[in-house]
């Protein structure tokens, strides 16, 4: 069982300072289940790779724990010595404790800096297959490369295995990468080798801080991490919900952190109201009878859509269950007339996965959402929207980066919110949109949103995509 961690951040050998492990010597640590070895397969200025290798003693485990199986050899002949599991998580917590905590005595500034990282797990089980594996890592922004491993290349009739070689790439903090691996590896294996109690709830919430509450698979992660102990899982999910309540003002329409600075910057312009009014006008001028708002957030656009008489089906989708609950409250769902309740539906889902519920709509709106997606995730998003959902019309808005110089309180070079992964100029958005339109059979036109500055354009840019087939 092994894990490799590679960086090309220069000097790459500084990875040793972050891991607190010398690149030029092998170190061995004793564990209750065997030994963990740390060494480097390459240590150059341009590239450095550290290896965490677990040498598990299955016989020692049986002697220590005892066998409860009817098949005695099962305790000696199994996959535990070879696949990533909770043993690897324990080793990460013990051997790389300071790195997971984000501490570095000699390179603390680097520990707090996002650097290009690549992690490879040689053999990773996934009870749920490749799809579930991707559903865990891709929402966190990882470029995920997966290779399915056969049970035995010499005996193909034995069928496929549940094992994968997985490579994850992302520019991020090392502590974030290690924390995600620490939590999600046992989730994929769906079984821990040790007893799980209340302290595991605290551990999960501590390591899941800042990402778990917004993860679309948080319930599955919680249950599997806690070995399906109902009382523990309920406790953890309740506390996650409470944390989300406290931080709800930090969540935006797609379930990601809220753009409070962005709102304060745009407040004088009443830009959000201008956006909503312009979108409503486009829909009213169309012949559409069904609309889906992707990343509906707290339902401001949905509330406006309910007033459009021509619409007979309105759906709001968001990745955050808590945000959907707030939307339902703000829409006064329980007090809506029966016909309005029949017209409006709220669904939980992600923009990164194919979903049959998204297909068949006249119009899809994607308002101030794409800038919160990591670049590697855009390709998944575009397929979900343009290829699989394929609405007749798409209304998409995103900030115009050129306009940022007009915000006096925004430092030069910074985005309107720290959670934005990018902010495009007009040319960049138009290039991206035109390429996608041509690829998926749409035409596209661009409109300004807000007052147009003669030098830098409008604060928001809108792309109006029309399915070419729908024009005929």
Protein backbone atom coordinates (compact mmCIF):
# COMPACT_ATOMS: atom_id res chain seq x y z
CA UNK A 1 0.00 0.00 0.00
CA UNK A 2 1.58 3.27 -1.05
CA UNK A 3 0.86 6.95 -1.57
CA UNK A 4 3.07 9.34 -3.52
CA UNK A 5 3.00 13.14 -3.26
CA UNK A 6 4.69 15.20 -5.97
CA UNK A 7 5.22 18.93 -6.45
CA UNK A 8 6.82 21.02 -9.17
CA UNK A 9 6.81 24.19 -7.06
CA UNK A 10 10.40 25.39 -7.07
CA UNK A 11 12.55 24.65 -5.24
CA UNK A 12 10.60 21.39 -5.18
CA UNK A 13 12.80 19.93 -2.44
CA UNK A 14 11.05 22.31 -0.03
CA UNK A 15 8.42 19.57 0.07
CA UNK A 16 10.68 18.03 2.70
CA UNK A 17 10.15 21.04 4.95
CA UNK A 18 6.38 20.79 4.53
CA UNK A 19 6.29 17.06 5.27
CA UNK A 20 8.94 17.35 8.00
CA UNK A 21 10.79 14.49 6.29
CA UNK A 22 14.34 14.77 4.90
CA UNK A 23 14.39 14.04 1.14
CA UNK A 24 17.81 12.45 1.37
CA UNK A 25 17.17 9.64 3.82
CA UNK A 26 14.61 6.90 4.46
CA UNK A 27 12.66 6.99 7.70
CA UNK A 28 10.69 4.15 9.30
CA UNK A 29 7.92 4.43 11.88
CA UNK A 30 6.41 1.60 13.89
CA UNK A 31 2.62 1.27 13.85
CA UNK A 32 0.26 -1.09 15.65
CA UNK A 33 -0.43 -2.76 12.30
CA UNK A 34 3.13 -2.88 10.97
CA UNK A 35 5.56 -0.22 9.75
CA UNK A 36 5.39 2.95 7.69
CA UNK A 37 8.34 3.97 5.52
CA UNK A 38 8.85 7.46 4.10
CA UNK A 39 11.35 8.06 1.31
CA UNK A 40 11.74 10.08 -1.88
CA UNK A 41 11.98 8.67 -5.39
CA UNK A 42 13.12 12.00 -6.79
CA UNK A 43 14.41 15.14 -5.11
CA UNK A 44 15.35 17.76 -7.67
CA UNK A 45 14.88 21.51 -7.77
CA UNK A 46 12.17 21.23 -10.44
CA UNK A 47 10.35 18.14 -9.17
CA UNK A 48 10.17 16.24 -5.90
CA UNK A 49 8.23 13.07 -5.02
CA UNK A 50 7.72 11.66 -1.54
CA UNK A 51 6.45 8.13 -0.95
CA UNK A 52 4.49 6.83 2.04
CA UNK A 53 4.76 3.02 2.02
CA UNK A 54 2.85 0.86 4.49
CA UNK A 55 4.17 -2.57 5.37
CA UNK A 56 1.24 -4.22 7.11
CA UNK A 57 1.69 -7.40 9.14
CA UNK A 58 -1.57 -9.39 8.63
CA UNK A 59 -0.44 -12.22 10.92
CA UNK A 60 0.32 -9.75 13.69
CA UNK A 61 -3.12 -8.21 13.25
CA UNK A 62 -4.83 -11.57 13.67
CA UNK A 63 -2.83 -12.39 16.78
CA UNK A 64 -3.62 -9.00 18.26
CA UNK A 65 -7.33 -8.84 17.42
CA UNK A 66 -8.30 -12.46 16.96
CA UNK A 67 -10.44 -14.06 14.26
CA UNK A 68 -14.23 -14.04 14.26
CA UNK A 69 -14.62 -15.46 10.78
CA UNK A 70 -15.94 -18.91 9.93
CA UNK A 71 -13.31 -19.03 7.22
CA UNK A 72 -10.08 -19.06 9.22
CA UNK A 73 -7.79 -18.25 6.30
CA UNK A 74 -9.75 -15.05 5.55
CA UNK A 75 -7.85 -13.30 8.33
CA UNK A 76 -4.56 -14.13 6.64
CA UNK A 77 -5.55 -14.01 2.97
CA UNK A 78 -7.26 -10.66 2.22
CA UNK A 79 -6.59 -7.31 0.60
CA UNK A 80 -5.65 -5.38 3.75
CA UNK A 81 -1.87 -5.34 3.16
CA UNK A 82 -2.23 -4.08 -0.40
CA UNK A 83 -5.02 -1.49 -0.65
CA UNK A 84 -5.47 2.01 0.71
CA UNK A 85 -7.78 1.94 3.72
CA UNK A 86 -8.12 3.32 7.22
CA UNK A 87 -4.62 1.98 7.89
CA UNK A 88 -3.31 4.63 5.49
CA UNK A 89 -5.36 7.34 7.20
CA UNK A 90 -3.91 6.37 10.57
CA UNK A 91 -0.41 6.48 9.10
CA UNK A 92 -1.07 9.93 7.63
CA UNK A 93 -2.30 11.18 10.99
CA UNK A 94 0.68 9.78 12.86
CA UNK A 95 3.58 10.26 10.47
CA UNK A 96 2.50 13.53 8.80
CA UNK A 97 0.73 15.10 11.77
CA UNK A 98 2.37 18.53 11.43
CA UNK A 99 1.80 18.64 7.67
CA UNK A 100 -1.92 17.90 8.09
CA UNK A 101 -2.09 20.69 10.67
CA UNK A 102 -0.44 23.05 8.19
CA UNK A 103 2.63 23.69 10.34
CA UNK A 104 6.20 24.07 9.07
CA UNK A 105 8.93 25.34 11.35
CA UNK A 106 11.18 26.60 8.55
CA UNK A 107 8.69 27.19 5.69
CA UNK A 108 5.47 28.36 7.32
CA UNK A 109 4.75 30.84 4.54
CA UNK A 110 4.99 28.01 2.02
CA UNK A 111 2.68 25.86 4.14
CA UNK A 112 0.10 28.62 3.77
CA UNK A 113 0.60 28.87 -0.01
CA UNK A 114 -1.28 26.94 -2.70
CA UNK A 115 1.25 24.95 -4.74
CA UNK A 116 0.87 22.43 -7.60
CA UNK A 117 0.45 18.99 -6.06
CA UNK A 118 -0.10 15.50 -7.42
CA UNK A 119 -1.06 12.53 -5.27
CA UNK A 120 -1.11 8.95 -6.54
CA UNK A 121 -2.65 6.05 -4.63
CA UNK A 122 -1.43 2.75 -6.03
CA UNK A 123 -4.46 0.64 -5.16
CA UNK A 124 -7.63 2.33 -3.92
CA UNK A 125 -10.84 0.32 -3.35
CA UNK A 126 -14.11 1.99 -4.20
CA UNK A 127 -17.37 0.49 -3.01
CA UNK A 128 -19.47 2.39 -5.49
CA UNK A 129 -17.10 2.21 -8.44
CA UNK A 130 -15.40 4.94 -10.43
CA UNK A 131 -18.48 7.16 -10.43
CA UNK A 132 -18.60 7.38 -6.64
CA UNK A 133 -14.85 7.93 -6.50
CA UNK A 134 -15.17 10.90 -8.83
CA UNK A 135 -18.19 12.22 -6.89
CA UNK A 136 -15.95 12.48 -3.83
CA UNK A 137 -12.89 14.19 -5.29
CA UNK A 138 -14.05 16.23 -8.27
CA UNK A 139 -16.36 18.57 -6.28
CA UNK A 140 -13.24 19.50 -4.30
CA UNK A 141 -11.58 20.70 -7.49
CA UNK A 142 -9.24 17.80 -8.21
CA UNK A 143 -8.33 16.77 -11.73
CA UNK A 144 -8.91 13.05 -11.28
CA UNK A 145 -7.25 10.33 -13.35
CA UNK A 146 -8.59 6.83 -12.71
CA UNK A 147 -7.33 3.47 -13.97
CA UNK A 148 -9.35 0.37 -13.11
CA UNK A 149 -7.25 -2.60 -12.03
CA UNK A 150 -8.11 -6.21 -12.96
CA UNK A 151 -8.41 -8.93 -10.33
CA UNK A 152 -5.76 -10.87 -12.17
CA UNK A 153 -4.45 -10.14 -15.65
CA UNK A 154 -3.74 -13.87 -16.13
CA UNK A 155 -7.34 -14.86 -15.34
CA UNK A 156 -9.73 -12.38 -17.02
CA UNK A 157 -12.63 -14.75 -16.39
CA UNK A 158 -12.43 -13.81 -12.72
CA UNK A 159 -14.01 -10.50 -13.68
CA UNK A 160 -13.33 -6.91 -12.76
CA UNK A 161 -12.06 -5.74 -9.41
CA UNK A 162 -13.25 -2.85 -7.24
CA UNK A 163 -9.70 -1.44 -7.19
CA UNK A 164 -8.34 1.63 -8.94
CA UNK A 165 -5.08 3.44 -9.38
CA UNK A 166 -5.93 7.08 -8.76
CA UNK A 167 -4.02 10.27 -9.45
CA UNK A 168 -5.26 13.61 -8.11
CA UNK A 169 -3.91 16.96 -9.30
CA UNK A 170 -4.66 20.38 -7.89
CA UNK A 171 -2.98 23.63 -6.93
CA UNK A 172 -3.81 23.89 -3.25
CA UNK A 173 -2.44 23.86 0.29
CA UNK A 174 -0.65 20.63 1.16
CA UNK A 175 -2.69 20.37 4.37
CA UNK A 176 -5.92 20.44 2.33
CA UNK A 177 -4.77 17.58 0.11
CA UNK A 178 -3.72 15.48 3.09
CA UNK A 179 -6.93 16.24 4.97
CA UNK A 180 -9.11 15.21 2.04
CA UNK A 181 -7.17 11.95 1.70
CA UNK A 182 -7.37 11.36 5.45
CA UNK A 183 -11.18 11.55 5.43
CA UNK A 184 -12.10 10.13 2.02
CA UNK A 185 -9.87 7.04 1.77
CA UNK A 186 -11.77 5.18 4.54
CA UNK A 187 -15.03 6.40 2.97
CA UNK A 188 -14.14 4.70 -0.31
CA UNK A 189 -13.15 1.51 1.47
CA UNK A 190 -16.37 1.79 3.53
CA UNK A 191 -14.89 0.12 6.57
CA UNK A 192 -12.49 1.04 9.38
CA UNK A 193 -10.20 -1.37 11.13
CA UNK A 194 -10.86 0.14 14.54
CA UNK A 195 -13.83 0.83 16.81
CA UNK A 196 -15.63 4.11 16.09
CA UNK A 197 -17.01 6.27 18.91
CA UNK A 198 -17.93 9.86 19.68
CA UNK A 199 -14.32 11.01 19.29
CA UNK A 200 -14.55 10.08 15.60
CA UNK A 201 -17.38 12.59 15.16
CA UNK A 202 -15.14 15.34 16.53
CA UNK A 203 -12.32 14.18 14.31
CA UNK A 204 -14.52 14.20 11.20
CA UNK A 205 -15.86 17.69 11.89
CA UNK A 206 -12.37 18.98 12.63
CA UNK A 207 -10.90 17.61 9.41
CA UNK A 208 -14.04 18.46 7.43
CA UNK A 209 -14.06 22.10 8.47
CA UNK A 210 -14.43 24.42 5.50
CA UNK A 211 -15.41 21.80 2.91
CA UNK A 212 -17.58 18.97 4.20
CA UNK A 213 -20.78 20.93 4.87
CA UNK A 214 -20.92 22.10 1.23
CA UNK A 215 -19.91 18.76 -0.30
CA UNK A 216 -22.75 17.19 -2.36
CA UNK A 217 -21.92 13.77 -0.85
CA UNK A 218 -21.63 14.93 2.76
CA UNK A 219 -24.29 12.52 4.04
CA UNK A 220 -22.65 9.51 2.38
CA UNK A 221 -19.21 10.65 3.57
CA UNK A 222 -20.47 11.04 7.13
CA UNK A 223 -22.21 7.67 7.30
CA UNK A 224 -19.33 5.72 5.80
CA UNK A 225 -16.66 7.50 7.84
CA UNK A 226 -18.60 6.62 10.99
CA UNK A 227 -19.15 2.99 9.92
CA UNK A 228 -22.90 3.51 9.46
CA UNK A 229 -23.46 4.07 13.18
CA UNK A 230 -26.81 5.86 12.99
CA UNK A 231 -26.57 7.79 16.23
CA UNK A 232 -23.05 9.02 15.44
CA UNK A 233 -23.95 9.96 11.87
CA UNK A 234 -27.05 11.82 13.06
CA UNK A 235 -24.97 13.71 15.61
CA UNK A 236 -22.37 14.65 13.00
CA UNK A 237 -24.91 15.78 10.40
CA UNK A 238 -26.79 17.81 13.00
CA UNK A 239 -23.60 19.58 14.03
CA UNK A 240 -22.69 20.15 10.38
CA UNK A 241 -26.11 21.73 9.86
CA UNK A 242 -25.61 23.96 12.89
CA UNK A 243 -22.24 25.06 11.56
CA UNK A 244 -23.87 25.77 8.24
CA UNK A 245 -26.52 27.88 9.98
CA UNK A 246 -23.77 29.97 11.56
CA UNK A 247 -22.02 30.39 8.23
CA UNK A 248 -25.05 30.69 5.98
CA UNK A 249 -24.17 34.28 5.11
CA UNK A 250 -20.99 32.89 3.59
CA UNK A 251 -22.84 30.74 1.05
CA UNK A 252 -23.76 31.85 -2.46
CA UNK A 253 -26.39 30.56 -4.83
CA UNK A 254 -24.41 27.45 -5.81
CA UNK A 255 -23.79 26.45 -2.19
CA UNK A 256 -20.27 27.90 -2.20
CA UNK A 257 -19.05 30.70 0.15
CA UNK A 258 -21.11 33.87 -0.17
CA UNK A 259 -19.70 36.92 -1.90
CA UNK A 260 -20.20 39.49 0.83
CA UNK A 261 -17.40 41.71 -0.50
CA UNK A 262 -18.85 41.35 -3.98
CA UNK A 263 -22.26 42.41 -2.69
CA UNK A 264 -20.84 45.44 -0.91
CA UNK A 265 -18.90 46.44 -4.03
CA UNK A 266 -21.99 46.13 -6.23
CA UNK A 267 -24.50 47.52 -3.73
CA UNK A 268 -24.43 51.10 -5.04
CA UNK A 269 -25.19 49.79 -8.51
CA UNK A 270 -28.11 47.58 -7.34
CA UNK A 271 -26.47 45.19 -9.76
CA UNK A 272 -28.27 42.10 -8.51
CA UNK A 273 -31.67 43.72 -9.11
CA UNK A 274 -30.56 44.81 -12.58
CA UNK A 275 -29.43 41.26 -13.36
CA UNK A 276 -32.69 39.71 -12.21
CA UNK A 277 -34.83 42.25 -14.08
CA UNK A 278 -32.89 41.69 -17.30
CA UNK A 279 -33.20 37.90 -17.02
CA UNK A 280 -36.94 38.13 -16.34
CA UNK A 281 -37.37 40.37 -19.41
CA UNK A 282 -35.58 37.82 -21.62
CA UNK A 283 -37.83 35.04 -20.35
CA UNK A 284 -41.01 37.12 -20.72
CA UNK A 285 -40.10 37.94 -24.32
CA UNK A 286 -39.63 34.25 -25.11
CA UNK A 287 -42.20 31.52 -25.67
CA UNK A 288 -40.73 29.43 -22.84
CA UNK A 289 -43.07 27.58 -20.51
CA UNK A 290 -40.41 25.81 -18.38
CA UNK A 291 -37.29 27.19 -16.64
CA UNK A 292 -34.61 25.60 -14.45
CA UNK A 293 -32.38 27.83 -12.33
CA UNK A 294 -29.04 26.05 -11.79
CA UNK A 295 -27.44 27.28 -8.58
CA UNK A 296 -30.72 28.80 -7.42
CA UNK A 297 -29.42 29.71 -3.97
CA UNK A 298 -31.95 31.35 -1.70
CA UNK A 299 -34.54 31.70 -4.46
CA UNK A 300 -34.49 35.38 -5.47
CA UNK A 301 -34.80 34.61 -9.17
CA UNK A 302 -37.35 31.84 -8.48
CA UNK A 303 -39.53 34.36 -6.67
CA UNK A 304 -39.51 36.60 -9.74
CA UNK A 305 -40.18 33.66 -12.07
CA UNK A 306 -43.34 32.73 -10.14
CA UNK A 307 -44.85 36.02 -11.32
CA UNK A 308 -44.43 35.13 -15.00
CA UNK A 309 -47.84 33.77 -16.05
CA UNK A 310 -46.63 31.91 -19.15
CA UNK A 311 -44.46 29.54 -17.09
CA UNK A 312 -45.99 26.26 -15.97
CA UNK A 313 -42.81 24.56 -14.66
CA UNK A 314 -40.09 26.21 -12.56
CA UNK A 315 -37.26 24.22 -10.98
CA UNK A 316 -34.48 25.46 -8.73
CA UNK A 317 -31.41 23.28 -8.19
CA UNK A 318 -28.64 23.83 -5.67
CA UNK A 319 -25.76 21.80 -4.21
CA UNK A 320 -26.55 22.95 -0.65
CA UNK A 321 -29.53 21.34 1.10
CA UNK A 322 -29.51 24.05 3.73
CA UNK A 323 -29.65 26.76 1.07
CA UNK A 324 -32.65 25.02 -0.50
CA UNK A 325 -34.38 24.99 2.87
CA UNK A 326 -33.81 28.73 3.18
CA UNK A 327 -35.16 29.22 -0.34
CA UNK A 328 -38.28 27.28 0.55
CA UNK A 329 -38.83 29.46 3.63
CA UNK A 330 -38.23 32.71 1.75
CA UNK A 331 -40.60 31.66 -1.01
CA UNK A 332 -43.26 30.98 1.65
CA UNK A 333 -43.76 27.58 0.10
CA UNK A 334 -46.34 26.45 2.64
CA UNK A 335 -48.48 29.51 1.93
CA UNK A 336 -48.34 29.36 -1.87
CA UNK A 337 -51.58 28.56 -3.70
CA UNK A 338 -51.81 24.93 -4.86
CA UNK A 339 -51.21 25.86 -8.52
CA UNK A 340 -48.02 27.72 -7.58
CA UNK A 341 -46.80 24.77 -5.52
CA UNK A 342 -47.40 22.46 -8.48
CA UNK A 343 -45.46 24.84 -10.71
CA UNK A 344 -42.40 25.22 -8.46
CA UNK A 345 -39.97 22.45 -7.51
CA UNK A 346 -36.68 22.56 -5.56
CA UNK A 347 -34.11 19.81 -6.12
CA UNK A 348 -30.72 18.97 -4.63
CA UNK A 349 -27.92 18.29 -7.11
CA UNK A 350 -24.55 19.24 -8.53
CA UNK A 351 -23.60 20.96 -11.78
CA UNK A 352 -20.76 18.49 -12.22
CA UNK A 353 -22.75 15.28 -12.74
CA UNK A 354 -25.14 14.15 -15.44
CA UNK A 355 -28.67 14.31 -14.09
CA UNK A 356 -31.77 13.30 -16.06
CA UNK A 357 -33.86 15.76 -14.02
CA UNK A 358 -32.10 18.67 -15.78
CA UNK A 359 -33.19 17.69 -19.29
CA UNK A 360 -36.21 18.93 -21.25
CA UNK A 361 -36.40 22.60 -20.17
CA UNK A 362 -37.00 25.53 -22.46
CA UNK A 363 -34.60 27.77 -20.52
CA UNK A 364 -31.76 27.16 -18.05
CA UNK A 365 -30.32 30.05 -16.03
CA UNK A 366 -26.79 29.96 -14.61
CA UNK A 367 -26.40 33.24 -12.76
CA UNK A 368 -23.03 34.23 -11.20
CA UNK A 369 -22.02 30.58 -10.73
CA UNK A 370 -19.28 29.54 -13.16
CA UNK A 371 -16.63 31.79 -11.63
CA UNK A 372 -16.81 29.64 -8.49
CA UNK A 373 -15.77 26.50 -10.37
CA UNK A 374 -12.14 25.43 -10.67
CA UNK A 375 -10.94 25.42 -14.26
CA UNK A 376 -10.59 21.58 -14.38
CA UNK A 377 -14.27 21.31 -13.37
CA UNK A 378 -15.51 23.52 -16.21
CA UNK A 379 -15.26 20.67 -18.71
CA UNK A 380 -17.56 18.53 -16.55
CA UNK A 381 -19.93 21.45 -16.08
CA UNK A 382 -20.15 22.25 -19.78
CA UNK A 383 -21.05 18.64 -20.66
CA UNK A 384 -23.75 18.54 -17.98
CA UNK A 385 -25.26 21.79 -19.24
CA UNK A 386 -24.73 21.84 -23.00
CA UNK A 387 -24.57 18.15 -23.88
CA UNK A 388 -26.84 16.34 -21.40
CA UNK A 389 -29.37 18.91 -20.12
CA UNK A 390 -29.35 20.70 -23.49
CA UNK A 391 -32.07 23.31 -22.87
CA UNK A 392 -33.36 25.33 -25.83
CA UNK A 393 -31.98 28.52 -24.28
CA UNK A 394 -29.27 29.19 -21.69
CA UNK A 395 -28.91 32.50 -19.86
CA UNK A 396 -25.51 32.76 -18.20
CA UNK A 397 -23.94 35.69 -16.34
CA UNK A 398 -20.48 36.19 -14.86
CA UNK A 399 -18.45 39.20 -13.63
CA UNK A 400 -16.55 41.33 -16.13
CA UNK A 401 -12.98 41.42 -14.79
CA UNK A 402 -12.20 44.62 -16.72
CA UNK A 403 -14.75 46.53 -14.64
CA UNK A 404 -12.98 45.73 -11.35
CA UNK A 405 -10.82 48.86 -11.65
CA UNK A 406 -13.98 50.91 -11.10
CA UNK A 407 -14.47 49.48 -7.59
CA UNK A 408 -12.52 51.83 -5.32
CA UNK A 409 -12.34 49.38 -2.41
CA UNK A 410 -11.05 46.46 -4.49
CA UNK A 411 -7.23 46.13 -4.43
CA UNK A 412 -5.62 45.83 -7.88
CA UNK A 413 -5.28 42.27 -9.13
CA UNK A 414 -7.81 40.82 -6.67
CA UNK A 415 -11.12 39.15 -7.49
CA UNK A 416 -14.42 40.47 -6.20
CA UNK A 417 -14.45 37.57 -3.76
CA UNK A 418 -11.69 35.25 -2.59
CA UNK A 419 -13.80 32.21 -3.52
CA UNK A 420 -13.81 33.17 -7.18
CA UNK A 421 -11.55 30.79 -9.09
CA UNK A 422 -11.35 33.19 -12.02
CA UNK A 423 -12.91 36.36 -13.38
CA UNK A 424 -12.95 36.71 -17.16
CA UNK A 425 -12.54 39.75 -19.35
CA UNK A 426 -15.16 40.24 -22.04
CA UNK A 427 -12.87 38.69 -24.66
CA UNK A 428 -12.13 35.66 -22.47
CA UNK A 429 -15.80 34.96 -21.74
CA UNK A 430 -16.76 35.45 -25.36
CA UNK A 431 -14.00 33.10 -26.58
CA UNK A 432 -15.07 30.39 -24.10
CA UNK A 433 -18.75 30.83 -24.87
CA UNK A 434 -18.30 30.81 -28.65
CA UNK A 435 -16.22 27.63 -28.50
CA UNK A 436 -18.87 25.86 -26.42
CA UNK A 437 -21.68 27.12 -28.62
CA UNK A 438 -19.96 25.79 -31.75
CA UNK A 439 -19.12 22.49 -30.08
CA UNK A 440 -22.62 21.73 -28.81
CA UNK A 441 -24.83 23.21 -31.51
CA UNK A 442 -25.76 26.60 -30.06
CA UNK A 443 -25.54 30.18 -31.23
CA UNK A 444 -24.63 32.83 -28.67
CA UNK A 445 -25.03 36.58 -28.28
CA UNK A 446 -23.61 38.79 -25.56
CA UNK A 447 -25.29 41.55 -23.61
CA UNK A 448 -24.03 43.97 -20.94
CA UNK A 449 -25.63 43.96 -17.50
CA UNK A 450 -25.50 47.28 -15.67
CA UNK A 451 -24.29 50.69 -16.79
CA UNK A 452 -21.70 50.43 -19.58
CA UNK A 453 -18.40 52.20 -19.00
CA UNK A 454 -16.93 53.38 -22.33
CA UNK A 455 -13.49 52.02 -21.42
CA UNK A 456 -14.10 48.81 -19.42
CA UNK A 457 -17.66 47.81 -20.31
CA UNK A 458 -20.46 46.77 -17.94
CA UNK A 459 -19.89 45.24 -14.48
CA UNK A 460 -21.54 41.94 -15.49
CA UNK A 461 -21.57 40.13 -18.82
CA UNK A 462 -24.42 37.96 -20.07
CA UNK A 463 -24.27 35.18 -22.61
CA UNK A 464 -27.54 34.16 -24.28
CA UNK A 465 -27.19 30.72 -25.87
CA UNK A 466 -29.85 29.43 -28.28
CA UNK A 467 -29.98 25.83 -29.49
CA UNK A 468 -29.66 25.96 -33.27
CA UNK A 469 -32.25 23.19 -33.71
CA UNK A 470 -34.75 25.23 -31.70
CA UNK A 471 -34.53 28.11 -34.20
CA UNK A 472 -35.81 26.01 -37.09
